[in-house]
Amino acid sequence: MSDQLLILKQRLFTVWVFFVINLKRVFRDRLALFFTFLFPLIFLFVFGSLSRNGQLTLRIALVNESHTKFAQTYVSELEHNKVFSINKSATTMAQAYQSMSRGEVDTAVELPPSFGELKNGIPTGQAIVHYTQNNEQAKQALVSLLQTQLSTINAHFVNLSPPLSVAASVSNQHSLTAFDYTFTGLLGFSILGAGIFGPMNVFPELKKMGILRRLHTTPLKVWQFFLSNMLGQAVTGLLSLALMLVIAMSLYHIKIVGNLAELSVFLILGIVLILGIGLALGGWAKNERQVAPLGNIIVFPMMFLTGVFFPRFLMPQWLQSVTNYMPLTPVIDGARMILTEGKSIFDLGPQLAVMGVWMIIIYAIAFRVFRWE
């Protein structure tokens, strides 16, 4: 028994040595640092900035032909309303039509000369919305907004209690913002890139340099080599994901509902799962040209069909059913459920089951196809 423990300690020490070597290699390789840490951050900044500018904004040309005091006040209110982006270079209807034809504005608002004239002490008139045939939706949005605004103004002059109305009620449940949904997809994108492209690029290079061939002459086992890579990738992957999380919380105020410790454990499982694909591809390929096409065939469907960049619920139902069983889908869904819905890792039975099945399949293939040279 003591001899077996000694052998196990020696093998685990070998794993530890290669784990340290892998960490040093990553932090000394500028390209690896870029794709592990900076590349996911670029997408985070892009989608985060888009989320900040995601509110409704209508580009309009405002043509005021009225000289009434009310019209001047109304124009001032429109100019200070952040919903409207007013093109001030279009001051006539001819210029407004030209701006619409060029796509510089969505619609044009005309205030006729009679707009704001007083009748019995009350301003009257009608604002006219001009639009092109391909801007029907912008017209409907603008008419609705202007009608709501004018209805509020009318209420100050005419005391009318409408017989029918709408009331709003807030629920106590959490809901996802667009960025909340996107952020967990970006976590999946980071795991996908580091877990697959890392071994895909490194292993063929090590084979080309003859390093793996020399390692094959030592007592090093494949499982030791894989385990050291898994540990190294788990550490660097968690550091990358933690950096993304800190930036998302600091700059874009993402709200974390779930437990971070459980999220970390789940993400480690996700990293290990996706890393198996990279180990299989990199271990099988003799060179970069052999692995690149196969890697793209595997990566791109997962990148666009598992909820990385846009919600899966926008897909047809049959396609959603298919993508439920892709390796990255349960990782993204589970991370989203913990991070934004407050679920426990013990609530993720279906996701963990799919991940477990994929781990068995992927690592069985990885061990089977691995080549030292």
Protein backbone atom coordinates (compact mmCIF):
# COMPACT_ATOMS: atom_id res chain seq x y z
CA MET A 1 0.00 0.00 0.00
CA SER A 2 2.82 2.38 0.88
CA ASP A 3 4.50 1.70 -2.49
CA GLN A 4 1.26 2.51 -4.34
CA LEU A 5 0.89 5.77 -2.38
CA LEU A 6 4.45 6.69 -3.22
CA ILE A 7 3.86 6.03 -6.93
CA LEU A 8 0.65 8.08 -6.82
CA LYS A 9 2.46 10.99 -5.13
CA GLN A 10 5.19 10.88 -7.75
CA ARG A 11 2.67 10.92 -10.59
CA LEU A 12 0.71 13.77 -9.02
CA PHE A 13 3.97 15.66 -8.51
CA THR A 14 4.61 15.24 -12.23
CA VAL A 15 1.15 16.67 -12.89
CA TRP A 16 1.99 19.62 -10.63
CA VAL A 17 5.28 20.26 -12.44
CA PHE A 18 3.62 20.34 -15.86
CA PHE A 19 0.80 22.47 -14.41
CA VAL A 20 3.37 25.09 -13.36
CA ILE A 21 5.10 24.83 -16.75
CA ASN A 22 1.79 25.41 -18.55
CA LEU A 23 1.00 28.46 -16.41
CA LYS A 24 4.41 29.97 -17.08
CA ARG A 25 4.03 29.29 -20.79
CA VAL A 26 0.69 31.12 -20.93
CA PHE A 27 1.93 34.17 -19.05
CA ARG A 28 5.08 34.36 -21.17
CA ASP A 29 3.24 34.00 -24.47
CA ARG A 30 1.87 37.37 -25.62
CA LEU A 31 -0.43 35.75 -28.14
CA ALA A 32 -1.88 33.42 -25.50
CA LEU A 33 -2.37 36.36 -23.11
CA PHE A 34 -4.17 38.29 -25.83
CA PHE A 35 -6.63 35.52 -26.70
CA THR A 36 -7.13 34.46 -23.07
CA PHE A 37 -7.63 37.87 -21.46
CA LEU A 38 -7.80 40.78 -23.93
CA PHE A 39 -9.79 39.29 -26.82
CA PRO A 40 -12.90 38.50 -24.69
CA LEU A 41 -12.63 41.97 -23.14
CA ILE A 42 -12.87 43.58 -26.57
CA PHE A 43 -16.28 41.95 -27.09
CA LEU A 44 -17.27 42.89 -23.54
CA PHE A 45 -16.52 46.57 -24.19
CA VAL A 46 -18.32 46.48 -27.56
CA PHE A 47 -21.52 44.87 -26.26
CA GLY A 48 -21.37 46.85 -23.02
CA SER A 49 -21.19 50.13 -24.94
CA LEU A 50 -24.07 49.04 -27.16
CA SER A 51 -26.16 48.29 -24.06
CA ARG A 52 -25.57 51.80 -22.76
CA ASN A 53 -26.78 53.25 -26.04
CA GLY A 54 -29.63 50.78 -26.41
CA GLN A 55 -32.45 53.17 -25.51
CA LEU A 56 -34.95 54.23 -28.17
CA THR A 57 -33.69 57.22 -30.19
CA LEU A 58 -35.52 58.63 -33.18
CA ARG A 59 -33.67 60.76 -35.70
CA ILE A 60 -36.03 63.49 -36.84
CA ALA A 61 -36.03 66.69 -38.85
CA LEU A 62 -38.06 69.40 -37.10
CA VAL A 63 -39.54 72.09 -39.35
CA ASN A 64 -41.23 74.85 -37.34
CA GLU A 65 -43.32 77.14 -39.58
CA SER A 66 -45.24 78.62 -36.65
CA HIS A 67 -44.28 81.79 -34.83
CA THR A 68 -46.54 81.29 -31.84
CA LYS A 69 -45.14 81.27 -28.32
CA PHE A 70 -46.55 77.80 -27.70
CA ALA A 71 -44.75 76.42 -30.80
CA GLN A 72 -41.45 77.85 -29.59
CA THR A 73 -41.94 76.26 -26.17
CA TYR A 74 -42.91 72.94 -27.75
CA VAL A 75 -39.83 72.94 -29.99
CA SER A 76 -37.64 73.61 -26.97
CA GLU A 77 -39.16 70.61 -25.16
CA LEU A 78 -38.52 68.35 -28.15
CA GLU A 79 -34.90 69.50 -28.37
CA HIS A 80 -34.31 68.65 -24.71
CA ASN A 81 -36.00 65.23 -24.98
CA LYS A 82 -33.32 62.52 -25.19
CA VAL A 83 -35.65 60.27 -27.16
CA PHE A 84 -35.32 62.57 -30.17
CA SER A 85 -32.13 63.26 -32.10
CA ILE A 86 -32.96 66.38 -34.12
CA ASN A 87 -31.14 67.20 -37.34
CA LYS A 88 -30.89 70.97 -37.05
CA SER A 89 -29.53 71.46 -40.58
CA ALA A 90 -32.97 70.64 -42.05
CA THR A 91 -35.08 73.75 -41.45
CA THR A 92 -37.42 73.52 -44.46
CA MET A 93 -39.58 70.68 -45.74
CA ALA A 94 -37.46 70.44 -48.89
CA GLN A 95 -34.36 69.92 -46.77
CA ALA A 96 -36.26 67.46 -44.55
CA TYR A 97 -37.33 65.36 -47.56
CA GLN A 98 -33.75 65.37 -48.79
CA SER A 99 -32.48 64.21 -45.39
CA MET A 100 -35.05 61.38 -45.33
CA SER A 101 -34.09 60.25 -48.84
CA ARG A 102 -30.43 60.09 -47.77
CA GLY A 103 -31.25 58.17 -44.60
CA GLU A 104 -29.94 60.96 -42.37
CA VAL A 105 -33.24 61.09 -40.46
CA ASP A 106 -36.05 58.59 -39.90
CA THR A 107 -38.97 60.99 -40.12
CA ALA A 108 -39.78 64.70 -40.24
CA VAL A 109 -42.12 66.68 -37.95
CA GLU A 110 -43.80 69.74 -39.43
CA LEU A 111 -45.43 72.39 -37.26
CA PRO A 112 -47.75 74.35 -39.60
CA PRO A 113 -48.14 78.16 -39.27
CA SER A 114 -51.40 77.66 -37.35
CA PHE A 115 -49.82 75.36 -34.76
CA GLY A 116 -50.24 76.83 -31.28
CA GLU A 117 -52.79 79.52 -32.17
CA LEU A 118 -55.10 80.35 -29.28
CA LYS A 119 -58.83 79.60 -29.35
CA ASN A 120 -60.72 80.58 -26.21
CA GLY A 121 -57.32 80.90 -24.52
CA ILE A 122 -56.29 77.32 -25.40
CA PRO A 123 -53.51 76.54 -27.94
CA THR A 124 -54.64 74.39 -30.86
CA GLY A 125 -53.09 72.83 -33.93
CA GLN A 126 -51.84 69.63 -35.41
CA ALA A 127 -48.24 68.41 -35.80
CA ILE A 128 -47.72 66.55 -39.09
CA VAL A 129 -45.36 63.57 -39.30
CA HIS A 130 -43.80 62.98 -42.72
CA TYR A 131 -42.18 59.64 -43.50
CA THR A 132 -41.06 57.43 -46.37
CA GLN A 133 -42.58 54.06 -47.21
CA ASN A 134 -39.65 52.11 -45.77
CA ASN A 135 -39.90 53.93 -42.41
CA GLU A 136 -43.39 52.83 -41.36
CA GLN A 137 -42.21 51.60 -37.97
CA ALA A 138 -40.40 54.84 -37.17
CA LYS A 139 -43.56 56.74 -38.10
CA GLN A 140 -45.72 54.68 -35.78
CA ALA A 141 -43.28 55.12 -32.90
CA LEU A 142 -43.01 58.87 -33.44
CA VAL A 143 -46.77 59.40 -33.75
CA SER A 144 -47.31 57.43 -30.54
CA LEU A 145 -44.67 59.43 -28.66
CA LEU A 146 -45.94 62.80 -29.90
CA GLN A 147 -49.55 61.86 -29.17
CA THR A 148 -48.63 60.88 -25.61
CA GLN A 149 -46.73 64.12 -25.16
CA LEU A 150 -49.57 66.25 -26.53
CA SER A 151 -52.14 64.35 -24.44
CA THR A 152 -50.19 65.33 -21.34
CA ILE A 153 -50.21 68.96 -22.46
CA ASN A 154 -53.93 68.77 -23.26
CA ALA A 155 -54.65 67.59 -19.74
CA HIS A 156 -53.41 70.93 -18.40
CA PHE A 157 -56.01 72.81 -20.43
CA VAL A 158 -58.97 70.42 -20.49
CA ASN A 159 -60.10 68.56 -17.38
CA LEU A 160 -61.20 65.25 -18.86
CA SER A 161 -61.28 61.96 -16.98
CA PRO A 162 -61.14 59.11 -19.53
CA PRO A 163 -63.59 56.25 -18.90
CA LEU A 164 -60.97 53.62 -19.86
CA SER A 165 -57.36 53.56 -18.69
CA VAL A 166 -54.29 51.38 -18.20
CA ALA A 167 -52.59 50.64 -14.87
CA ALA A 168 -49.10 49.21 -14.31
CA SER A 169 -48.04 46.73 -11.65
CA VAL A 170 -44.48 45.67 -10.83
CA SER A 171 -43.69 42.07 -9.93
CA ASN A 172 -41.12 40.90 -7.39
CA GLN A 173 -39.41 38.59 -9.87
CA HIS A 174 -36.08 39.34 -11.51
CA SER A 175 -35.85 39.72 -15.27
CA LEU A 176 -32.88 39.87 -17.61
CA THR A 177 -31.67 43.02 -19.26
CA ALA A 178 -30.19 42.75 -22.73
CA PHE A 179 -26.67 43.05 -21.32
CA ASP A 180 -27.34 40.48 -18.56
CA TYR A 181 -28.22 38.00 -21.28
CA THR A 182 -25.27 38.97 -23.46
CA PHE A 183 -22.74 38.87 -20.63
CA THR A 184 -23.24 35.20 -19.84
CA GLY A 185 -22.91 34.51 -23.55
CA LEU A 186 -19.58 36.35 -23.50
CA LEU A 187 -18.47 34.14 -20.62
CA GLY A 188 -19.23 31.17 -22.87
CA PHE A 189 -17.31 32.81 -25.72
CA SER A 190 -14.27 33.23 -23.45
CA ILE A 191 -14.45 29.58 -22.39
CA LEU A 192 -14.87 28.51 -26.01
CA GLY A 193 -11.85 30.47 -27.21
CA ALA A 194 -9.48 29.52 -24.40
CA GLY A 195 -10.58 25.88 -24.16
CA ILE A 196 -10.41 25.04 -27.86
CA PHE A 197 -8.00 27.46 -29.54
CA GLY A 198 -5.37 27.10 -26.81
CA PRO A 199 -4.62 23.36 -27.27
CA MET A 200 -5.34 23.65 -31.00
CA ASN A 201 -2.47 26.11 -31.39
CA VAL A 202 -0.07 24.77 -28.75
CA PHE A 203 -0.11 20.99 -29.32
CA PRO A 204 0.72 21.04 -33.06
CA GLU A 205 3.52 23.52 -32.32
CA LEU A 206 4.93 21.23 -29.61
CA LYS A 207 4.78 18.32 -32.05
CA LYS A 208 6.50 20.36 -34.73
CA MET A 209 9.32 21.23 -32.32
CA GLY A 210 9.63 17.58 -31.26
CA ILE A 211 8.86 18.33 -27.61
CA LEU A 212 5.98 15.85 -27.32
CA ARG A 213 8.09 13.16 -28.97
CA ARG A 214 10.76 13.62 -26.29
CA LEU A 215 8.13 13.60 -23.56
CA HIS A 216 6.86 10.30 -24.94
CA THR A 217 10.20 8.70 -24.10
CA THR A 218 9.68 9.58 -20.41
CA PRO A 219 7.33 7.82 -17.97
CA LEU A 220 4.81 10.65 -18.50
CA LYS A 221 1.29 9.30 -19.11
CA VAL A 222 -1.35 10.87 -21.32
CA TRP A 223 -3.71 11.34 -18.37
CA GLN A 224 -0.99 13.25 -16.48
CA PHE A 225 -0.41 15.50 -19.46
CA PHE A 226 -4.14 16.10 -19.89
CA LEU A 227 -4.72 16.71 -16.17
CA SER A 228 -1.94 19.28 -15.96
CA ASN A 229 -3.45 21.10 -18.96
CA MET A 230 -6.90 20.95 -17.39
CA LEU A 231 -5.67 22.48 -14.13
CA GLY A 232 -3.72 25.19 -15.92
CA GLN A 233 -6.64 26.04 -18.17
CA ALA A 234 -9.03 26.11 -15.19
CA VAL A 235 -6.83 28.66 -13.40
CA THR A 236 -6.23 30.94 -16.38
CA GLY A 237 -9.85 30.60 -17.49
CA LEU A 238 -11.18 31.58 -14.07
CA LEU A 239 -8.82 34.57 -13.95
CA SER A 240 -10.08 35.70 -17.35
CA LEU A 241 -13.73 35.24 -16.37
CA ALA A 242 -13.16 37.01 -13.04
CA LEU A 243 -11.61 39.97 -14.87
CA MET A 244 -14.63 40.16 -17.18
CA LEU A 245 -16.99 39.98 -14.20
CA VAL A 246 -15.20 42.77 -12.32
CA ILE A 247 -15.26 45.04 -15.38
CA ALA A 248 -18.93 44.25 -16.08
CA MET A 249 -19.82 45.11 -12.48
CA SER A 250 -17.73 48.28 -12.41
CA LEU A 251 -18.49 49.79 -15.81
CA TYR A 252 -21.83 48.32 -16.83
CA HIS A 253 -23.40 47.68 -13.40
CA ILE A 254 -24.40 44.08 -14.05
CA LYS A 255 -26.41 42.70 -11.15
CA ILE A 256 -25.29 39.42 -9.61
CA VAL A 257 -28.09 37.46 -7.98
CA GLY A 258 -26.49 34.04 -7.50
CA ASN A 259 -23.65 32.66 -5.41
CA LEU A 260 -20.19 33.40 -6.85
CA ALA A 261 -18.63 30.28 -5.32
CA GLU A 262 -21.19 28.04 -7.03
CA LEU A 263 -20.75 30.01 -10.24
CA SER A 264 -16.97 29.42 -10.06
CA VAL A 265 -17.43 25.68 -9.58
CA PHE A 266 -19.87 25.48 -12.49
CA LEU A 267 -17.60 27.52 -14.77
CA ILE A 268 -14.65 25.25 -13.94
CA LEU A 269 -16.77 22.29 -15.08
CA GLY A 270 -17.59 24.21 -18.26
CA ILE A 271 -13.92 24.99 -18.88
CA VAL A 272 -12.96 21.33 -18.40
CA LEU A 273 -15.72 20.22 -20.78
CA ILE A 274 -14.80 22.60 -23.61
CA LEU A 275 -11.09 22.00 -23.03
CA GLY A 276 -11.67 18.33 -23.88
CA ILE A 277 -12.57 19.39 -27.44
CA GLY A 278 -9.35 21.36 -27.71
CA LEU A 279 -7.33 18.45 -26.32
CA ALA A 280 -8.92 16.08 -28.83
CA LEU A 281 -8.28 18.38 -31.79
CA GLY A 282 -4.77 19.42 -30.76
CA GLY A 283 -3.79 15.90 -29.74
CA TRP A 284 -4.95 14.44 -33.04
CA ALA A 285 -3.57 17.03 -35.45
CA LYS A 286 -0.04 16.81 -36.81
CA ASN A 287 0.13 20.50 -37.74
CA GLU A 288 -1.83 23.77 -37.68
CA ARG A 289 -3.13 23.39 -41.24
CA GLN A 290 -4.69 20.04 -40.39
CA VAL A 291 -6.50 21.23 -37.26
CA ALA A 292 -7.74 24.68 -38.35
CA PRO A 293 -10.58 23.61 -40.71
CA LEU A 294 -11.91 20.98 -38.30
CA GLY A 295 -11.69 23.44 -35.41
CA ASN A 296 -13.71 26.05 -37.30
CA ILE A 297 -16.36 23.47 -38.20
CA ILE A 298 -16.82 22.74 -34.50
CA VAL A 299 -16.40 26.26 -33.08
CA PHE A 300 -18.58 28.37 -35.37
CA PRO A 301 -21.86 26.43 -34.92
CA MET A 302 -21.41 26.61 -31.14
CA MET A 303 -20.56 30.30 -31.37
CA PHE A 304 -23.77 31.20 -33.19
CA LEU A 305 -26.26 28.56 -32.05
CA THR A 306 -25.72 28.31 -28.27
CA GLY A 307 -26.67 31.81 -27.15
CA VAL A 308 -23.21 33.41 -27.22
CA PHE A 309 -24.13 36.57 -29.12
CA PHE A 310 -27.94 36.50 -29.31
CA PRO A 311 -30.74 34.72 -27.42
CA ARG A 312 -31.68 31.20 -28.47
CA PHE A 313 -35.37 31.96 -27.93
CA LEU A 314 -35.24 33.99 -31.15
CA MET A 315 -34.54 30.80 -33.08
CA PRO A 316 -37.23 28.48 -34.48
CA GLN A 317 -38.47 25.94 -31.96
CA TRP A 318 -36.97 22.97 -33.81
CA LEU A 319 -33.55 24.63 -33.84
CA GLN A 320 -33.78 25.40 -30.13
CA SER A 321 -34.47 21.72 -29.48
CA VAL A 322 -31.36 20.75 -31.42
CA THR A 323 -29.08 23.32 -29.78
CA ASN A 324 -30.16 22.20 -26.29
CA TYR A 325 -27.75 19.29 -26.68
CA MET A 326 -24.70 21.16 -27.97
CA PRO A 327 -21.76 21.10 -25.49
CA LEU A 328 -21.65 24.86 -24.87
CA THR A 329 -25.41 25.38 -24.45
CA PRO A 330 -25.76 23.94 -20.90
CA VAL A 331 -22.65 25.88 -19.85
CA ILE A 332 -24.11 29.23 -20.92
CA ASP A 333 -27.63 28.41 -19.69
CA GLY A 334 -26.35 27.21 -16.32
CA ALA A 335 -24.10 30.24 -15.82
CA ARG A 336 -27.03 32.51 -16.69
CA MET A 337 -29.34 30.74 -14.24
CA ILE A 338 -26.83 31.09 -11.39
CA LEU A 339 -25.65 34.60 -12.18
CA THR A 340 -28.89 36.38 -13.01
CA GLU A 341 -31.67 34.13 -11.68
CA GLY A 342 -30.15 33.14 -8.34
CA LYS A 343 -30.35 29.40 -8.98
CA SER A 344 -28.21 26.97 -7.01
CA ILE A 345 -25.85 24.58 -8.75
CA PHE A 346 -28.08 21.81 -7.39
CA ASP A 347 -30.95 23.22 -9.46
CA LEU A 348 -29.02 22.61 -12.68
CA GLY A 349 -29.63 18.89 -12.99
CA PRO A 350 -30.50 18.87 -16.72
CA GLN A 351 -27.53 21.09 -17.60
CA LEU A 352 -25.10 19.03 -15.51
CA ALA A 353 -26.44 15.81 -17.02
CA VAL A 354 -25.83 17.00 -20.59
CA MET A 355 -22.37 18.26 -19.61
CA GLY A 356 -21.55 14.94 -17.94
CA VAL A 357 -22.50 12.92 -21.01
CA TRP A 358 -20.45 15.21 -23.25
CA MET A 359 -17.43 14.94 -20.93
CA ILE A 360 -17.45 11.16 -21.17
CA ILE A 361 -17.78 11.24 -24.96
CA ILE A 362 -15.26 14.03 -25.57
CA TYR A 363 -12.52 12.74 -23.27
CA ALA A 364 -12.95 9.18 -24.55
CA ILE A 365 -12.28 10.55 -28.03
CA ALA A 366 -9.42 12.75 -26.80
CA PHE A 367 -7.58 9.84 -25.21
CA ARG A 368 -8.25 7.66 -28.25
CA VAL A 369 -6.93 10.05 -30.90
CA PHE A 370 -4.04 11.63 -29.00
CA ARG A 371 -0.69 11.36 -30.79
CA TRP A 372 2.70 12.31 -29.37
CA GLU A 373 4.03 13.25 -32.80
